[in-house]
């Protein structure tokens, strides 16, 4: 993951071998608006639905 100004880029994937794959193909490069990306990361970090409360 890299940030270029107002763009977040996901690239240079490390694809595990095995798991029935004969030739691992990495996914394409993905680009996101940095502001929207930051907002979604903050939302996901604040989401605690998975926590068990006694």
PDB file of N, CA and C in Angstrom:
ATOM      1  N   UNK A   1       0.853  -1.162   0.000  1.00  0.00           N
ATOM      2  CA  UNK A   1       0.000   0.000   0.000  1.00  0.00           C
ATOM      3  C   UNK A   1       0.897   1.221   0.000  1.00  0.00           C
ATOM      4  N   UNK A   2       0.577   2.143  -0.889  1.00  0.00           N
ATOM      5  CA  UNK A   2       1.332   3.392  -0.972  1.00  0.00           C
ATOM      6  C   UNK A   2       0.351   4.548  -1.122  1.00  0.00           C
ATOM      7  N   UNK A   3       0.773   5.704  -0.683  1.00  0.00           N
ATOM      8  CA  UNK A   3      -0.039   6.904  -0.820  1.00  0.00           C
ATOM      9  C   UNK A   3       0.702   7.878  -1.715  1.00  0.00           C
ATOM     10  N   UNK A   4      -0.009   8.350  -2.725  1.00  0.00           N
ATOM     11  CA  UNK A   4       0.527   9.346  -3.647  1.00  0.00           C
ATOM     12  C   UNK A   4      -0.422  10.532  -3.627  1.00  0.00           C
ATOM     13  N   UNK A   5      -0.152  11.485  -2.746  1.00  0.00           N
ATOM     14  CA  UNK A   5      -1.038  12.645  -2.636  1.00  0.00           C
ATOM     15  C   UNK A   5      -2.424  12.214  -2.205  1.00  0.00           C
ATOM     16  N   UNK A   6      -3.410  12.418  -3.057  1.00  0.00           N
ATOM     17  CA  UNK A   6      -4.799  12.090  -2.728  1.00  0.00           C
ATOM     18  C   UNK A   6      -5.221  10.719  -3.248  1.00  0.00           C
ATOM     19  N   UNK A   7      -4.250   9.878  -3.591  1.00  0.00           N
ATOM     20  CA  UNK A   7      -4.539   8.525  -4.090  1.00  0.00           C
ATOM     21  C   UNK A   7      -3.835   7.495  -3.219  1.00  0.00           C
ATOM     22  N   UNK A   8      -4.563   6.449  -2.847  1.00  0.00           N
ATOM     23  CA  UNK A   8      -3.983   5.296  -2.156  1.00  0.00           C
ATOM     24  C   UNK A   8      -3.920   4.170  -3.182  1.00  0.00           C
ATOM     25  N   UNK A   9      -2.772   3.548  -3.276  1.00  0.00           N
ATOM     26  CA  UNK A   9      -2.564   2.484  -4.269  1.00  0.00           C
ATOM     27  C   UNK A   9      -2.226   1.177  -3.560  1.00  0.00           C
ATOM     28  N   UNK A  10      -2.936   0.125  -3.922  1.00  0.00           N
ATOM     29  CA  UNK A  10      -2.586  -1.224  -3.485  1.00  0.00           C
ATOM     30  C   UNK A  10      -1.962  -1.916  -4.682  1.00  0.00           C
ATOM     31  N   UNK A  11      -0.750  -2.444  -4.511  1.00  0.00           N
ATOM     32  CA  UNK A  11      -0.070  -3.122  -5.613  1.00  0.00           C
ATOM     33  C   UNK A  11       1.004  -4.052  -5.064  1.00  0.00           C
ATOM     34  N   UNK A  12       1.716  -4.688  -5.967  1.00  0.00           N
ATOM     35  CA  UNK A  12       2.816  -5.590  -5.614  1.00  0.00           C
ATOM     36  C   UNK A  12       2.368  -6.678  -4.644  1.00  0.00           C
ATOM     37  N   UNK A  13       1.279  -7.342  -5.005  1.00  0.00           N
ATOM     38  CA  UNK A  13       0.685  -8.380  -4.167  1.00  0.00           C
ATOM     39  C   UNK A  13       1.626  -9.560  -4.007  1.00  0.00           C
ATOM     40  N   UNK A  14       1.628 -10.148  -2.837  1.00  0.00           N
ATOM     41  CA  UNK A  14       2.320 -11.406  -2.599  1.00  0.00           C
ATOM     42  C   UNK A  14       1.257 -12.498  -2.592  1.00  0.00           C
ATOM     43  N   UNK A  15       1.290 -13.346  -3.597  1.00  0.00           N
ATOM     44  CA  UNK A  15       0.286 -14.385  -3.741  1.00  0.00           C
ATOM     45  C   UNK A  15       0.853 -15.702  -3.242  1.00  0.00           C
ATOM     46  N   UNK A  16       0.190 -16.334  -2.261  1.00  0.00           N
ATOM     47  CA  UNK A  16       0.694 -17.608  -1.749  1.00  0.00           C
ATOM     48  C   UNK A  16       0.547 -18.708  -2.802  1.00  0.00           C
ATOM     49  N   UNK A  17       1.486 -19.619  -2.808  1.00  0.00           N
ATOM     50  CA  UNK A  17       1.378 -20.746  -3.733  1.00  0.00           C
ATOM     51  C   UNK A  17       0.578 -21.845  -3.054  1.00  0.00           C
ATOM     52  N   UNK A  18       0.162 -22.805  -3.836  1.00  0.00           N
ATOM     53  CA  UNK A  18      -0.613 -23.913  -3.291  1.00  0.00           C
ATOM     54  C   UNK A  18      -2.086 -23.619  -3.312  1.00  0.00           C
ATOM     55  N   UNK A  19      -2.811 -24.235  -2.424  1.00  0.00           N
ATOM     56  CA  UNK A  19      -4.263 -24.049  -2.306  1.00  0.00           C
ATOM     57  C   UNK A  19      -4.973 -24.310  -3.626  1.00  0.00           C
ATOM     58  N   UNK A  20      -4.463 -25.289  -4.394  1.00  0.00           N
ATOM     59  CA  UNK A  20      -5.105 -25.664  -5.644  1.00  0.00           C
ATOM     60  C   UNK A  20      -4.795 -24.764  -6.819  1.00  0.00           C
ATOM     61  N   UNK A  21      -3.946 -23.779  -6.629  1.00  0.00           N
ATOM     62  CA  UNK A  21      -3.611 -22.865  -7.724  1.00  0.00           C
ATOM     63  C   UNK A  21      -2.399 -23.398  -8.459  1.00  0.00           C
ATOM     64  N   UNK A  22      -2.531 -23.556  -9.765  1.00  0.00           N
ATOM     65  CA  UNK A  22      -1.384 -24.022 -10.538  1.00  0.00           C
ATOM     66  C   UNK A  22      -0.420 -22.881 -10.833  1.00  0.00           C
ATOM     67  N   UNK A  23      -0.951 -21.716 -11.157  1.00  0.00           N
ATOM     68  CA  UNK A  23      -0.127 -20.531 -11.397  1.00  0.00           C
ATOM     69  C   UNK A  23      -0.776 -19.359 -10.674  1.00  0.00           C
ATOM     70  N   UNK A  24      -0.147 -18.872  -9.625  1.00  0.00           N
ATOM     71  CA  UNK A  24      -0.766 -17.761  -8.892  1.00  0.00           C
ATOM     72  C   UNK A  24      -0.695 -16.465  -9.694  1.00  0.00           C
ATOM     73  N   UNK A  25      -1.831 -15.821  -9.841  1.00  0.00           N
ATOM     74  CA  UNK A  25      -1.884 -14.532 -10.524  1.00  0.00           C
ATOM     75  C   UNK A  25      -2.254 -13.473  -9.506  1.00  0.00           C
ATOM     76  N   UNK A  26      -1.426 -12.463  -9.354  1.00  0.00           N
ATOM     77  CA  UNK A  26      -1.794 -11.404  -8.409  1.00  0.00           C
ATOM     78  C   UNK A  26      -2.951 -10.579  -8.966  1.00  0.00           C
ATOM     79  N   UNK A  27      -3.758 -10.008  -8.078  1.00  0.00           N
ATOM     80  CA  UNK A  27      -4.826  -9.124  -8.547  1.00  0.00           C
ATOM     81  C   UNK A  27      -4.242  -7.861  -9.162  1.00  0.00           C
ATOM     82  N   UNK A  28      -5.045  -7.127  -9.900  1.00  0.00           N
ATOM     83  CA  UNK A  28      -4.544  -5.891 -10.508  1.00  0.00           C
ATOM     84  C   UNK A  28      -4.292  -4.827  -9.445  1.00  0.00           C
ATOM     85  N   UNK A  29      -3.556  -3.810  -9.833  1.00  0.00           N
ATOM     86  CA  UNK A  29      -3.335  -2.646  -8.980  1.00  0.00           C
ATOM     87  C   UNK A  29      -4.682  -1.985  -8.709  1.00  0.00           C
ATOM     88  N   UNK A  30      -4.899  -1.562  -7.470  1.00  0.00           N
ATOM     89  CA  UNK A  30      -6.141  -0.885  -7.113  1.00  0.00           C
ATOM     90  C   UNK A  30      -5.821   0.521  -6.633  1.00  0.00           C
ATOM     91  N   UNK A  31      -6.718   1.470  -6.939  1.00  0.00           N
ATOM     92  CA  UNK A  31      -6.533   2.867  -6.545  1.00  0.00           C
ATOM     93  C   UNK A  31      -7.785   3.362  -5.837  1.00  0.00           C
ATOM     94  N   UNK A  32      -7.584   4.127  -4.765  1.00  0.00           N
ATOM     95  CA  UNK A  32      -8.679   4.653  -3.969  1.00  0.00           C
ATOM     96  C   UNK A  32      -8.437   6.134  -3.679  1.00  0.00           C
ATOM     97  N   UNK A  33      -9.522   6.874  -3.528  1.00  0.00           N
ATOM     98  CA  UNK A  33      -9.432   8.255  -3.068  1.00  0.00           C
ATOM     99  C   UNK A  33      -8.938   8.226  -1.622  1.00  0.00           C
ATOM    100  N   UNK A  34      -7.882   8.963  -1.306  1.00  0.00           N
ATOM    101  CA  UNK A  34      -7.255   8.910   0.013  1.00  0.00           C
ATOM    102  C   UNK A  34      -8.206   9.336   1.131  1.00  0.00           C
ATOM    103  N   UNK A  35      -9.010  10.350   0.909  1.00  0.00           N
ATOM    104  CA  UNK A  35      -9.958  10.799   1.933  1.00  0.00           C
ATOM    105  C   UNK A  35     -10.994   9.732   2.249  1.00  0.00           C
ATOM    106  N   UNK A  36     -11.533   9.103   1.209  1.00  0.00           N
ATOM    107  CA  UNK A  36     -12.510   8.037   1.412  1.00  0.00           C
ATOM    108  C   UNK A  36     -11.854   6.826   2.070  1.00  0.00           C
ATOM    109  N   UNK A  37     -10.633   6.525   1.671  1.00  0.00           N
ATOM    110  CA  UNK A  37      -9.895   5.402   2.247  1.00  0.00           C
ATOM    111  C   UNK A  37      -9.673   5.624   3.747  1.00  0.00           C
ATOM    112  N   UNK A  38      -9.210   6.819   4.119  1.00  0.00           N
ATOM    113  CA  UNK A  38      -8.974   7.142   5.530  1.00  0.00           C
ATOM    114  C   UNK A  38     -10.264   7.042   6.344  1.00  0.00           C
ATOM    115  N   UNK A  39     -11.366   7.531   5.777  1.00  0.00           N
ATOM    116  CA  UNK A  39     -12.645   7.480   6.475  1.00  0.00           C
ATOM    117  C   UNK A  39     -13.082   6.030   6.692  1.00  0.00           C
ATOM    118  N   UNK A  40     -12.900   5.184   5.718  1.00  0.00           N
ATOM    119  CA  UNK A  40     -13.298   3.786   5.855  1.00  0.00           C
ATOM    120  C   UNK A  40     -12.412   3.037   6.840  1.00  0.00           C
ATOM    121  N   UNK A  41     -11.126   3.319   6.844  1.00  0.00           N
ATOM    122  CA  UNK A  41     -10.225   2.700   7.820  1.00  0.00           C
ATOM    123  C   UNK A  41     -10.630   3.122   9.233  1.00  0.00           C
ATOM    124  N   UNK A  42     -10.949   4.396   9.429  1.00  0.00           N
ATOM    125  CA  UNK A  42     -11.380   4.883  10.745  1.00  0.00           C
ATOM    126  C   UNK A  42     -12.704   4.233  11.148  1.00  0.00           C
ATOM    127  N   UNK A  43     -13.639   4.112  10.219  1.00  0.00           N
ATOM    128  CA  UNK A  43     -14.931   3.479  10.510  1.00  0.00           C
ATOM    129  C   UNK A  43     -14.725   2.021  10.914  1.00  0.00           C
ATOM    130  N   UNK A  44     -13.891   1.294  10.166  1.00  0.00           N
ATOM    131  CA  UNK A  44     -13.643  -0.114  10.469  1.00  0.00           C
ATOM    132  C   UNK A  44     -12.944  -0.273  11.824  1.00  0.00           C
ATOM    133  N   UNK A  45     -12.033   0.624  12.142  1.00  0.00           N
ATOM    134  CA  UNK A  45     -11.326   0.546  13.424  1.00  0.00           C
ATOM    135  C   UNK A  45     -12.267   0.802  14.598  1.00  0.00           C
ATOM    136  N   UNK A  46     -13.284   1.626  14.388  1.00  0.00           N
ATOM    137  CA  UNK A  46     -14.228   1.941  15.457  1.00  0.00           C
ATOM    138  C   UNK A  46     -15.341   0.907  15.588  1.00  0.00           C
ATOM    139  N   UNK A  47     -15.520   0.044  14.594  1.00  0.00           N
ATOM    140  CA  UNK A  47     -16.587  -0.959  14.580  1.00  0.00           C
ATOM    141  C   UNK A  47     -16.186  -2.143  15.455  1.00  0.00           C
ATOM    142  N   UNK A  48     -16.865  -2.320  16.552  1.00  0.00           N
ATOM    143  CA  UNK A  48     -16.522  -3.378  17.514  1.00  0.00           C
ATOM    144  C   UNK A  48     -17.625  -4.439  17.599  1.00  0.00           C
ATOM    145  N   UNK A  49     -18.398  -4.640  16.537  1.00  0.00           N
ATOM    146  CA  UNK A  49     -19.505  -5.596  16.572  1.00  0.00           C
ATOM    147  C   UNK A  49     -19.049  -6.994  16.942  1.00  0.00           C
ATOM    148  N   UNK A  50     -17.811  -7.334  16.650  1.00  0.00           N
ATOM    149  CA  UNK A  50     -17.290  -8.682  16.862  1.00  0.00           C
ATOM    150  C   UNK A  50     -16.886  -8.949  18.305  1.00  0.00           C
ATOM    151  N   UNK A  51     -16.777  -7.906  19.102  1.00  0.00           N
ATOM    152  CA  UNK A  51     -16.364  -8.100  20.488  1.00  0.00           C
ATOM    153  C   UNK A  51     -17.501  -8.714  21.303  1.00  0.00           C
ATOM    154  N   UNK A  52     -17.145  -9.617  22.184  1.00  0.00           N
ATOM    155  CA  UNK A  52     -18.125 -10.245  23.070  1.00  0.00           C
ATOM    156  C   UNK A  52     -18.145  -9.479  24.374  1.00  0.00           C
ATOM    157  N   UNK A  53     -19.331  -9.067  24.775  1.00  0.00           N
ATOM    158  CA  UNK A  53     -19.489  -8.332  26.037  1.00  0.00           C
ATOM    159  C   UNK A  53     -20.245  -9.233  27.003  1.00  0.00           C
ATOM    160  N   UNK A  54     -19.648  -9.531  28.141  1.00  0.00           N
ATOM    161  CA  UNK A  54     -20.339 -10.400  29.120  1.00  0.00           C
ATOM    162  C   UNK A  54     -21.539  -9.750  29.754  1.00  0.00           C
TER     163      UNK A  54
END
